PDB file of all heavy atoms in Angstrom:
ATOM      1  N   PRO A   1     116.945  80.144  93.651  1.00  0.00           N
ATOM      2  CA  PRO A   1     118.086  80.888  93.108  1.00  0.00           C
ATOM      3  C   PRO A   1     118.647  80.157  91.893  1.00  0.00           C
ATOM      4  O   PRO A   1     118.543  78.923  91.804  1.00  0.00           O
ATOM      5  CB  PRO A   1     119.088  80.911  94.262  1.00  0.00           C
ATOM      6  CG  PRO A   1     118.688  79.794  95.160  1.00  0.00           C
ATOM      7  CD  PRO A   1     117.217  79.600  94.998  1.00  0.00           C
ATOM      8  N   ARG A   2     119.185  80.903  90.939  1.00  0.00           N
ATOM      9  CA  ARG A   2     119.797  80.242  89.793  1.00  0.00           C
ATOM     10  C   ARG A   2     121.033  79.484  90.252  1.00  0.00           C
ATOM     11  O   ARG A   2     121.580  79.736  91.335  1.00  0.00           O
ATOM     12  CB  ARG A   2     120.158  81.264  88.716  1.00  0.00           C
ATOM     13  CG  ARG A   2     121.103  82.352  89.169  1.00  0.00           C
ATOM     14  CD  ARG A   2     121.412  83.309  88.048  1.00  0.00           C
ATOM     15  NE  ARG A   2     122.063  82.622  86.939  1.00  0.00           N
ATOM     16  CZ  ARG A   2     122.467  83.217  85.841  1.00  0.00           C
ATOM     17  NH1 ARG A   2     122.269  84.524  85.684  1.00  0.00           N
ATOM     18  NH2 ARG A   2     123.074  82.544  84.878  1.00  0.00           N
ATOM     19  N   GLU A   3     121.483  78.553  89.445  1.00  0.00           N
ATOM     20  CA  GLU A   3     122.608  77.702  89.830  1.00  0.00           C
ATOM     21  C   GLU A   3     123.842  78.551  90.150  1.00  0.00           C
ATOM     22  O   GLU A   3     124.263  79.391  89.348  1.00  0.00           O
ATOM     23  CB  GLU A   3     122.938  76.727  88.690  1.00  0.00           C
ATOM     24  CG  GLU A   3     123.966  75.680  89.081  1.00  0.00           C
ATOM     25  CD  GLU A   3     124.187  74.640  87.994  1.00  0.00           C
ATOM     26  OE1 GLU A   3     123.388  74.601  87.031  1.00  0.00           O
ATOM     27  OE2 GLU A   3     125.160  73.870  88.116  1.00  0.00           O
ATOM     28  N   GLY A   4     124.359  78.359  91.334  1.00  0.00           N
ATOM     29  CA  GLY A   4     125.522  79.124  91.771  1.00  0.00           C
ATOM     30  C   GLY A   4     125.197  80.540  92.212  1.00  0.00           C
ATOM     31  O   GLY A   4     126.098  81.331  92.495  1.00  0.00           O
ATOM     32  N   GLY A   5     123.919  80.871  92.283  1.00  0.00           N
ATOM     33  CA  GLY A   5     123.514  82.227  92.640  1.00  0.00           C
ATOM     34  C   GLY A   5     122.729  82.284  93.936  1.00  0.00           C
ATOM     35  O   GLY A   5     122.613  81.302  94.670  1.00  0.00           O
ATOM     36  N   GLU A   6     122.198  83.473  94.206  1.00  0.00           N
ATOM     37  CA  GLU A   6     121.441  83.691  95.432  1.00  0.00           C
ATOM     38  C   GLU A   6     120.141  84.429  95.108  1.00  0.00           C
ATOM     39  O   GLU A   6     120.115  85.308  94.256  1.00  0.00           O
ATOM     40  CB  GLU A   6     122.245  84.531  96.433  1.00  0.00           C
ATOM     41  CG  GLU A   6     123.523  83.872  96.920  1.00  0.00           C
ATOM     42  CD  GLU A   6     124.314  84.757  97.878  1.00  0.00           C
ATOM     43  OE1 GLU A   6     123.744  85.762  98.383  1.00  0.00           O
ATOM     44  OE2 GLU A   6     125.501  84.456  98.125  1.00  0.00           O
ATOM     45  N   LEU A   7     119.084  84.057  95.821  1.00  0.00           N
ATOM     46  CA  LEU A   7     117.794  84.738  95.733  1.00  0.00           C
ATOM     47  C   LEU A   7     117.439  85.259  97.117  1.00  0.00           C
ATOM     48  O   LEU A   7     117.320  84.491  98.071  1.00  0.00           O
ATOM     49  CB  LEU A   7     116.709  83.775  95.232  1.00  0.00           C
ATOM     50  CG  LEU A   7     115.262  84.292  95.268  1.00  0.00           C
ATOM     51  CD1 LEU A   7     115.107  85.554  94.423  1.00  0.00           C
ATOM     52  CD2 LEU A   7     114.288  83.200  94.806  1.00  0.00           C
ATOM     53  N   HIS A   8     117.281  86.575  97.231  1.00  0.00           N
ATOM     54  CA  HIS A   8     116.931  87.219  98.491  1.00  0.00           C
ATOM     55  C   HIS A   8     115.534  87.822  98.358  1.00  0.00           C
ATOM     56  O   HIS A   8     115.258  88.542  97.392  1.00  0.00           O
ATOM     57  CB  HIS A   8     117.935  88.316  98.838  1.00  0.00           C
ATOM     58  CG  HIS A   8     119.342  87.821  99.021  1.00  0.00           C
ATOM     59  ND1 HIS A   8     119.925  87.669 100.256  1.00  0.00           N
ATOM     60  CD2 HIS A   8     120.274  87.439  98.108  1.00  0.00           C
ATOM     61  CE1 HIS A   8     121.168  87.234 100.102  1.00  0.00           C
ATOM     62  NE2 HIS A   8     121.402  87.078  98.794  1.00  0.00           N
ATOM     63  N   ILE A   9     114.670  87.541  99.306  1.00  0.00           N
ATOM     64  CA  ILE A   9     113.288  88.020  99.264  1.00  0.00           C
ATOM     65  C   ILE A   9     113.015  88.879 100.503  1.00  0.00           C
ATOM     66  O   ILE A   9     113.263  88.447 101.631  1.00  0.00           O
ATOM     67  CB  ILE A   9     112.290  86.842  99.209  1.00  0.00           C
ATOM     68  CG1 ILE A   9     112.560  85.976  97.965  1.00  0.00           C
ATOM     69  CG2 ILE A   9     110.858  87.354  99.206  1.00  0.00           C
ATOM     70  CD1 ILE A   9     111.732  84.708  97.895  1.00  0.00           C
ATOM     71  N   VAL A  10     112.511  90.096 100.260  1.00  0.00           N
ATOM     72  CA  VAL A  10     112.222  91.027 101.354  1.00  0.00           C
ATOM     73  C   VAL A  10     110.711  91.256 101.435  1.00  0.00           C
ATOM     74  O   VAL A  10     110.083  91.677 100.453  1.00  0.00           O
ATOM     75  CB  VAL A  10     112.935  92.381 101.146  1.00  0.00           C
ATOM     76  CG1 VAL A  10     112.785  93.252 102.402  1.00  0.00           C
ATOM     77  CG2 VAL A  10     114.407  92.183 100.801  1.00  0.00           C
ATOM     78  N   ILE A  11     110.140  90.960 102.600  1.00  0.00           N
ATOM     79  CA  ILE A  11     108.705  91.166 102.843  1.00  0.00           C
ATOM     80  C   ILE A  11     108.555  92.437 103.675  1.00  0.00           C
ATOM     81  O   ILE A  11     109.138  92.563 104.746  1.00  0.00           O
ATOM     82  CB  ILE A  11     108.096  89.958 103.591  1.00  0.00           C
ATOM     83  CG1 ILE A  11     108.347  88.662 102.820  1.00  0.00           C
ATOM     84  CG2 ILE A  11     106.602  90.172 103.819  1.00  0.00           C
ATOM     85  CD1 ILE A  11     107.979  87.398 103.589  1.00  0.00           C
ATOM     86  N   VAL A  12     107.755  93.383 103.159  1.00  0.00           N
ATOM     87  CA  VAL A  12     107.715  94.728 103.747  1.00  0.00           C
ATOM     88  C   VAL A  12     106.339  95.047 104.326  1.00  0.00           C
ATOM     89  O   VAL A  12     105.307  94.781 103.703  1.00  0.00           O
ATOM     90  CB  VAL A  12     108.087  95.788 102.686  1.00  0.00           C
ATOM     91  CG1 VAL A  12     108.131  97.181 103.304  1.00  0.00           C
ATOM     92  CG2 VAL A  12     109.433  95.447 102.035  1.00  0.00           C
ATOM     93  N   ASP A  13     106.346  95.625 105.519  1.00  0.00           N
ATOM     94  CA  ASP A  13     105.122  96.117 106.153  1.00  0.00           C
ATOM     95  C   ASP A  13     104.909  97.588 105.790  1.00  0.00           C
ATOM     96  O   ASP A  13     104.057  97.934 105.005  1.00  0.00           O
ATOM     97  CB  ASP A  13     105.209  95.934 107.678  1.00  0.00           C
ATOM     98  CG  ASP A  13     103.910  96.324 108.388  1.00  0.00           C
ATOM     99  OD1 ASP A  13     103.154  97.163 107.868  1.00  0.00           O
ATOM    100  OD2 ASP A  13     103.654  95.798 109.487  1.00  0.00           O
ATOM    101  N   ASN A  14     105.696  98.472 106.353  1.00  0.00           N
ATOM    102  CA  ASN A  14     105.642  99.915 106.073  1.00  0.00           C
ATOM    103  C   ASN A  14     104.224 100.485 106.134  1.00  0.00           C
ATOM    104  O   ASN A  14     103.747 101.137 105.205  1.00  0.00           O
ATOM    105  CB  ASN A  14     106.271 100.236 104.712  1.00  0.00           C
ATOM    106  CG  ASN A  14     106.656 101.708 104.601  1.00  0.00           C
ATOM    107  OD1 ASN A  14     107.121 102.303 105.566  1.00  0.00           O
ATOM    108  ND2 ASN A  14     106.458 102.305 103.437  1.00  0.00           N
ATOM    109  N   GLY A  15     103.545 100.233 107.227  1.00  0.00           N
ATOM    110  CA  GLY A  15     102.220 100.804 107.455  1.00  0.00           C
ATOM    111  C   GLY A  15     101.059  99.904 107.099  1.00  0.00           C
ATOM    112  O   GLY A  15      99.898 100.234 107.382  1.00  0.00           O
ATOM    113  N   ARG A  16     101.316  98.755 106.490  1.00  0.00           N
ATOM    114  CA  ARG A  16     100.226  97.876 106.080  1.00  0.00           C
ATOM    115  C   ARG A  16      99.500  97.269 107.274  1.00  0.00           C
ATOM    116  O   ARG A  16      98.283  97.065 107.226  1.00  0.00           O
ATOM    117  CB  ARG A  16     100.763  96.796 105.130  1.00  0.00           C
ATOM    118  CG  ARG A  16     101.091  97.376 103.750  1.00  0.00           C
ATOM    119  CD  ARG A  16     102.079  96.536 102.975  1.00  0.00           C
ATOM    120  NE  ARG A  16     102.321  97.076 101.627  1.00  0.00           N
ATOM    121  CZ  ARG A  16     103.116  98.105 101.361  1.00  0.00           C
ATOM    122  NH1 ARG A  16     103.765  98.713 102.367  1.00  0.00           N
ATOM    123  NH2 ARG A  16     103.277  98.535 100.128  1.00  0.00           N
ATOM    124  N   SER A  17     100.224  96.972 108.339  1.00  0.00           N
ATOM    125  CA  SER A  17      99.577  96.459 109.553  1.00  0.00           C
ATOM    126  C   SER A  17      98.606  97.492 110.118  1.00  0.00           C
ATOM    127  O   SER A  17      97.527  97.150 110.611  1.00  0.00           O
ATOM    128  CB  SER A  17     100.626  96.105 110.619  1.00  0.00           C
ATOM    129  OG  SER A  17     101.431  95.038 110.182  1.00  0.00           O
ATOM    130  N   LYS A  18      99.006  98.749 110.053  1.00  0.00           N
ATOM    131  CA  LYS A  18      98.145  99.835 110.541  1.00  0.00           C
ATOM    132  C   LYS A  18      96.869  99.917 109.710  1.00  0.00           C
ATOM    133  O   LYS A  18      95.767 100.114 110.246  1.00  0.00           O
ATOM    134  CB  LYS A  18      98.912 101.156 110.475  1.00  0.00           C
ATOM    135  CG  LYS A  18      98.143 102.352 110.997  1.00  0.00           C
ATOM    136  CD  LYS A  18      98.962 103.628 110.848  1.00  0.00           C
ATOM    137  CE  LYS A  18      98.141 104.858 111.245  1.00  0.00           C
ATOM    138  NZ  LYS A  18      98.890 106.110 111.022  1.00  0.00           N
ATOM    139  N   ILE A  19      96.995  99.759 108.391  1.00  0.00           N
ATOM    140  CA  ILE A  19      95.822  99.770 107.522  1.00  0.00           C
ATOM    141  C   ILE A  19      94.914  98.593 107.853  1.00  0.00           C
ATOM    142  O   ILE A  19      93.686  98.727 107.909  1.00  0.00           O
ATOM    143  CB  ILE A  19      96.238  99.722 106.034  1.00  0.00           C
ATOM    144  CG1 ILE A  19      97.018 100.981 105.655  1.00  0.00           C
ATOM    145  CG2 ILE A  19      95.024  99.552 105.123  1.00  0.00           C
ATOM    146  CD1 ILE A  19      97.608 100.957 104.253  1.00  0.00           C
ATOM    147  N   LEU A  20      95.513  97.453 108.088  1.00  0.00           N
ATOM    148  CA  LEU A  20      94.743  96.246 108.419  1.00  0.00           C
ATOM    149  C   LEU A  20      93.907  96.449 109.680  1.00  0.00           C
ATOM    150  O   LEU A  20      92.816  95.892 109.809  1.00  0.00           O
ATOM    151  CB  LEU A  20      95.703  95.064 108.602  1.00  0.00           C
ATOM    152  CG  LEU A  20      95.077  93.669 108.699  1.00  0.00           C
ATOM    153  CD1 LEU A  20      94.317  93.328 107.429  1.00  0.00           C
ATOM    154  CD2 LEU A  20      96.163  92.635 108.968  1.00  0.00           C
ATOM    155  N   ALA A  21      94.413  97.245 110.598  1.00  0.00           N
ATOM    156  CA  ALA A  21      93.704  97.490 111.855  1.00  0.00           C
ATOM    157  C   ALA A  21      92.572  98.504 111.702  1.00  0.00           C
ATOM    158  O   ALA A  21      91.767  98.674 112.621  1.00  0.00           O
ATOM    159  CB  ALA A  21      94.687  97.984 112.917  1.00  0.00           C
ATOM    160  N   ASP A  22      92.496  99.171 110.544  1.00  0.00           N
ATOM    161  CA  ASP A  22      91.476 100.193 110.307  1.00  0.00           C
ATOM    162  C   ASP A  22      90.284  99.536 109.615  1.00  0.00           C
ATOM    163  O   ASP A  22      90.289  99.321 108.405  1.00  0.00           O
ATOM    164  CB  ASP A  22      92.056 101.311 109.440  1.00  0.00           C
ATOM    165  CG  ASP A  22      91.129 102.503 109.293  1.00  0.00           C
ATOM    166  OD1 ASP A  22      89.904 102.309 109.344  1.00  0.00           O
ATOM    167  OD2 ASP A  22      91.639 103.625 109.111  1.00  0.00           O
ATOM    168  N   GLU A  23      89.251  99.247 110.380  1.00  0.00           N
ATOM    169  CA  GLU A  23      88.122  98.480 109.856  1.00  0.00           C
ATOM    170  C   GLU A  23      87.442  99.173 108.679  1.00  0.00           C
ATOM    171  O   GLU A  23      87.001  98.517 107.733  1.00  0.00           O
ATOM    172  CB  GLU A  23      87.106  98.236 110.974  1.00  0.00           C
ATOM    173  CG  GLU A  23      85.970  97.307 110.582  1.00  0.00           C
ATOM    174  CD  GLU A  23      85.060  96.961 111.741  1.00  0.00           C
ATOM    175  OE1 GLU A  23      85.417  97.270 112.889  1.00  0.00           O
ATOM    176  OE2 GLU A  23      83.994  96.375 111.491  1.00  0.00           O
ATOM    177  N   GLN A  24      87.363 100.495 108.721  1.00  0.00           N
ATOM    178  CA  GLN A  24      86.664 101.221 107.670  1.00  0.00           C
ATOM    179  C   GLN A  24      87.440 101.246 106.352  1.00  0.00           C
ATOM    180  O   GLN A  24      86.843 101.298 105.271  1.00  0.00           O
ATOM    181  CB  GLN A  24      86.388 102.656 108.126  1.00  0.00           C
ATOM    182  CG  GLN A  24      85.497 103.427 107.162  1.00  0.00           C
ATOM    183  CD  GLN A  24      85.014 104.737 107.760  1.00  0.00           C
ATOM    184  OE1 GLN A  24      85.694 105.359 108.560  1.00  0.00           O
ATOM    185  NE2 GLN A  24      83.816 105.169 107.365  1.00  0.00           N
ATOM    186  N   HIS A  25      88.780 101.186 106.439  1.00  0.00           N
ATOM    187  CA  HIS A  25      89.592 101.377 105.235  1.00  0.00           C
ATOM    188  C   HIS A  25      90.489 100.186 104.882  1.00  0.00           C
ATOM    189  O   HIS A  25      91.287 100.297 103.958  1.00  0.00           O
ATOM    190  CB  HIS A  25      90.452 102.629 105.389  1.00  0.00           C
ATOM    191  CG  HIS A  25      89.654 103.881 105.535  1.00  0.00           C
ATOM    192  ND1 HIS A  25      88.938 104.439 104.496  1.00  0.00           N
ATOM    193  CD2 HIS A  25      89.427 104.681 106.617  1.00  0.00           C
ATOM    194  CE1 HIS A  25      88.322 105.534 104.918  1.00  0.00           C
ATOM    195  NE2 HIS A  25      88.601 105.703 106.197  1.00  0.00           N
ATOM    196  N   ARG A  26      90.350  99.075 105.591  1.00  0.00           N
ATOM    197  CA  ARG A  26      91.283  97.959 105.347  1.00  0.00           C
ATOM    198  C   ARG A  26      91.124  97.321 103.970  1.00  0.00           C
ATOM    199  O   ARG A  26      92.048  96.693 103.462  1.00  0.00           O
ATOM    200  CB  ARG A  26      91.109  96.879 106.428  1.00  0.00           C
ATOM    201  CG  ARG A  26      89.756  96.186 106.444  1.00  0.00           C
ATOM    202  CD  ARG A  26      89.715  95.033 107.436  1.00  0.00           C
ATOM    203  NE  ARG A  26      90.055  95.436 108.777  1.00  0.00           N
ATOM    204  CZ  ARG A  26      89.418  95.015 109.879  1.00  0.00           C
ATOM    205  NH1 ARG A  26      88.383  94.191 109.757  1.00  0.00           N
ATOM    206  NH2 ARG A  26      89.807  95.405 111.068  1.00  0.00           N
ATOM    207  N   LYS A  27      89.958  97.512 103.333  1.00  0.00           N
ATOM    208  CA  LYS A  27      89.759  96.894 102.016  1.00  0.00           C
ATOM    209  C   LYS A  27      90.705  97.449 100.967  1.00  0.00           C
ATOM    210  O   LYS A  27      90.858  96.862  99.896  1.00  0.00           O
ATOM    211  CB  LYS A  27      88.311  97.080 101.558  1.00  0.00           C
ATOM    212  CG  LYS A  27      87.314  96.213 102.305  1.00  0.00           C
ATOM    213  CD  LYS A  27      85.903  96.474 101.797  1.00  0.00           C
ATOM    214  CE  LYS A  27      84.879  95.779 102.679  1.00  0.00           C
ATOM    215  NZ  LYS A  27      83.500  96.162 102.294  1.00  0.00           N
ATOM    216  N   VAL A  28      91.345  98.599 101.266  1.00  0.00           N
ATOM    217  CA  VAL A  28      92.310  99.147 100.316  1.00  0.00           C
ATOM    218  C   VAL A  28      93.462  98.171 100.088  1.00  0.00           C
ATOM    219  O   VAL A  28      94.124  98.200  99.045  1.00  0.00           O
ATOM    220  CB  VAL A  28      92.823 100.521 100.814  1.00  0.00           C
ATOM    221  CG1 VAL A  28      93.860 100.365 101.896  1.00  0.00           C
ATOM    222  CG2 VAL A  28      93.382 101.346  99.672  1.00  0.00           C
ATOM    223  N   LEU A  29      93.701  97.257 101.038  1.00  0.00           N
ATOM    224  CA  LEU A  29      94.748  96.244 100.881  1.00  0.00           C
ATOM    225  C   LEU A  29      94.385  95.194  99.833  1.00  0.00           C
ATOM    226  O   LEU A  29      95.232  94.400  99.441  1.00  0.00           O
ATOM    227  CB  LEU A  29      95.030  95.559 102.218  1.00  0.00           C
ATOM    228  CG  LEU A  29      95.710  96.413 103.299  1.00  0.00           C
ATOM    229  CD1 LEU A  29      95.816  95.642 104.606  1.00  0.00           C
ATOM    230  CD2 LEU A  29      97.092  96.854 102.848  1.00  0.00           C
ATOM    231  N   ASN A  30      93.137  95.198  99.380  1.00  0.00           N
ATOM    232  CA  ASN A  30      92.738  94.274  98.307  1.00  0.00           C
ATOM    233  C   ASN A  30      93.329  94.672  96.955  1.00  0.00           C
ATOM    234  O   ASN A  30      93.335  93.876  96.014  1.00  0.00           O
ATOM    235  CB  ASN A  30      91.211  94.250  98.156  1.00  0.00           C
ATOM    236  CG  ASN A  30      90.499  93.543  99.292  1.00  0.00           C
ATOM    237  OD1 ASN A  30      91.088  93.291 100.342  1.00  0.00           O
ATOM    238  ND2 ASN A  30      89.230  93.244  99.109  1.00  0.00           N
ATOM    239  N   CYS A  31      93.786  95.906  96.845  1.00  0.00           N
ATOM    240  CA  CYS A  31      94.223  96.465  95.562  1.00  0.00           C
ATOM    241  C   CYS A  31      95.275  95.609  94.869  1.00  0.00           C
ATOM    242  O   CYS A  31      96.257  95.191  95.478  1.00  0.00           O
ATOM    243  CB  CYS A  31      94.770  97.869  95.796  1.00  0.00           C
ATOM    244  SG  CYS A  31      95.449  98.644  94.324  1.00  0.00           S
ATOM    245  N   LEU A  32      95.069  95.360  93.564  1.00  0.00           N
ATOM    246  CA  LEU A  32      96.015  94.586  92.749  1.00  0.00           C
ATOM    247  C   LEU A  32      97.009  95.480  92.013  1.00  0.00           C
ATOM    248  O   LEU A  32      97.863  94.973  91.291  1.00  0.00           O
ATOM    249  CB  LEU A  32      95.259  93.737  91.713  1.00  0.00           C
ATOM    250  CG  LEU A  32      94.163  92.799  92.224  1.00  0.00           C
ATOM    251  CD1 LEU A  32      93.610  91.979  91.070  1.00  0.00           C
ATOM    252  CD2 LEU A  32      94.680  91.895  93.324  1.00  0.00           C
ATOM    253  N   ARG A  33      96.877  96.803  92.169  1.00  0.00           N
ATOM    254  CA  ARG A  33      97.728  97.769  91.468  1.00  0.00           C
ATOM    255  C   ARG A  33      97.604  97.628  89.949  1.00  0.00           C
ATOM    256  O   ARG A  33      98.588  97.663  89.225  1.00  0.00           O
ATOM    257  CB  ARG A  33      99.195  97.634  91.888  1.00  0.00           C
ATOM    258  CG  ARG A  33      99.461  97.867  93.370  1.00  0.00           C
ATOM    259  CD  ARG A  33      99.182  99.316  93.774  1.00  0.00           C
ATOM    260  NE  ARG A  33      99.722  99.628  95.087  1.00  0.00           N
ATOM    261  CZ  ARG A  33      99.080  99.462  96.246  1.00  0.00           C
ATOM    262  NH1 ARG A  33      97.838  98.984  96.246  1.00  0.00           N
ATOM    263  NH2 ARG A  33      99.650  99.779  97.384  1.00  0.00           N
ATOM    264  N   CYS A  34      96.362  97.480  89.479  1.00  0.00           N
ATOM    265  CA  CYS A  34      96.140  97.348  88.036  1.00  0.00           C
ATOM    266  C   CYS A  34      95.982  98.708  87.358  1.00  0.00           C
ATOM    267  O   CYS A  34      96.144  98.825  86.144  1.00  0.00           O
ATOM    268  CB  CYS A  34      94.913  96.485  87.756  1.00  0.00           C
ATOM    269  SG  CYS A  34      93.342  97.258  88.251  1.00  0.00           S
ATOM    270  N   GLY A  35      95.593  99.734  88.124  1.00  0.00           N
ATOM    271  CA  GLY A  35      95.416 101.060  87.560  1.00  0.00           C
ATOM    272  C   GLY A  35      94.074 101.287  86.887  1.00  0.00           C
ATOM    273  O   GLY A  35      93.852 102.356  86.306  1.00  0.00           O
ATOM    274  N   ALA A  36      93.160 100.321  86.960  1.00  0.00           N
ATOM    275  CA  ALA A  36      91.859 100.494  86.300  1.00  0.00           C
ATOM    276  C   ALA A  36      91.100 101.682  86.860  1.00  0.00           C
ATOM    277  O   ALA A  36      90.382 102.373  86.129  1.00  0.00           O
ATOM    278  CB  ALA A  36      91.024  99.221  86.451  1.00  0.00           C
ATOM    279  N   CYS A  37      91.259 101.944  88.152  1.00  0.00           N
ATOM    280  CA  CYS A  37      90.547 103.079  88.759  1.00  0.00           C
ATOM    281  C   CYS A  37      91.037 104.405  88.188  1.00  0.00           C
ATOM    282  O   CYS A  37      90.270 105.365  88.074  1.00  0.00           O
ATOM    283  CB  CYS A  37      90.695 103.052  90.282  1.00  0.00           C
ATOM    284  SG  CYS A  37      92.386 103.184  90.906  1.00  0.00           S
ATOM    285  N   MET A  38      92.308 104.470  87.815  1.00  0.00           N
ATOM    286  CA  MET A  38      92.846 105.685  87.205  1.00  0.00           C
ATOM    287  C   MET A  38      92.330 105.836  85.770  1.00  0.00           C
ATOM    288  O   MET A  38      91.978 106.937  85.329  1.00  0.00           O
ATOM    289  CB  MET A  38      94.370 105.637  87.195  1.00  0.00           C
ATOM    290  CG  MET A  38      94.974 105.558  88.570  1.00  0.00           C
ATOM    291  SD  MET A  38      96.761 105.394  88.491  1.00  0.00           S
ATOM    292  CE  MET A  38      97.093 104.984  90.202  1.00  0.00           C
ATOM    293  N   ASN A  39      92.306 104.722  85.041  1.00  0.00           N
ATOM    294  CA  ASN A  39      91.885 104.762  83.640  1.00  0.00           C
ATOM    295  C   ASN A  39      90.435 105.211  83.487  1.00  0.00           C
ATOM    296  O   ASN A  39      90.067 105.781  82.462  1.00  0.00           O
ATOM    297  CB  ASN A  39      92.053 103.385  82.992  1.00  0.00           C
ATOM    298  CG  ASN A  39      93.487 102.901  83.021  1.00  0.00           C
ATOM    299  OD1 ASN A  39      94.414 103.684  83.197  1.00  0.00           O
ATOM    300  ND2 ASN A  39      93.678 101.601  82.877  1.00  0.00           N
ATOM    301  N   THR A  40      89.620 104.934  84.494  1.00  0.00           N
ATOM    302  CA  THR A  40      88.198 105.287  84.402  1.00  0.00           C
ATOM    303  C   THR A  40      87.870 106.605  85.061  1.00  0.00           C
ATOM    304  O   THR A  40      86.853 107.217  84.748  1.00  0.00           O
ATOM    305  CB  THR A  40      87.330 104.166  85.012  1.00  0.00           C
ATOM    306  OG1 THR A  40      85.983 104.315  84.561  1.00  0.00           O
ATOM    307  CG2 THR A  40      87.353 104.196  86.542  1.00  0.00           C
ATOM    308  N   CYS A  41      88.727 107.083  85.960  1.00  0.00           N
ATOM    309  CA  CYS A  41      88.418 108.263  86.770  1.00  0.00           C
ATOM    310  C   CYS A  41      88.365 109.537  85.920  1.00  0.00           C
ATOM    311  O   CYS A  41      89.364 109.920  85.300  1.00  0.00           O
ATOM    312  CB  CYS A  41      89.461 108.434  87.876  1.00  0.00           C
ATOM    313  SG  CYS A  41      89.229 109.928  88.856  1.00  0.00           S
ATOM    314  N   PRO A  42      87.229 110.235  85.878  1.00  0.00           N
ATOM    315  CA  PRO A  42      87.143 111.447  85.064  1.00  0.00           C
ATOM    316  C   PRO A  42      88.044 112.576  85.566  1.00  0.00           C
ATOM    317  O   PRO A  42      88.464 113.427  84.782  1.00  0.00           O
ATOM    318  CB  PRO A  42      85.662 111.843  85.164  1.00  0.00           C
ATOM    319  CG  PRO A  42      85.181 111.201  86.429  1.00  0.00           C
ATOM    320  CD  PRO A  42      85.956 109.940  86.572  1.00  0.00           C
TER     321      PRO A  42
END
């Protein structure tokens, strides 16, 4: 936190644990959110 201030950090699941349990589709959690798949998708 900056001097005299506060830093609050929130870690969110919101369905990510469920994705992790799905063996066929868990690799979607690898996504970096770069958007390259959109830029190339016809």
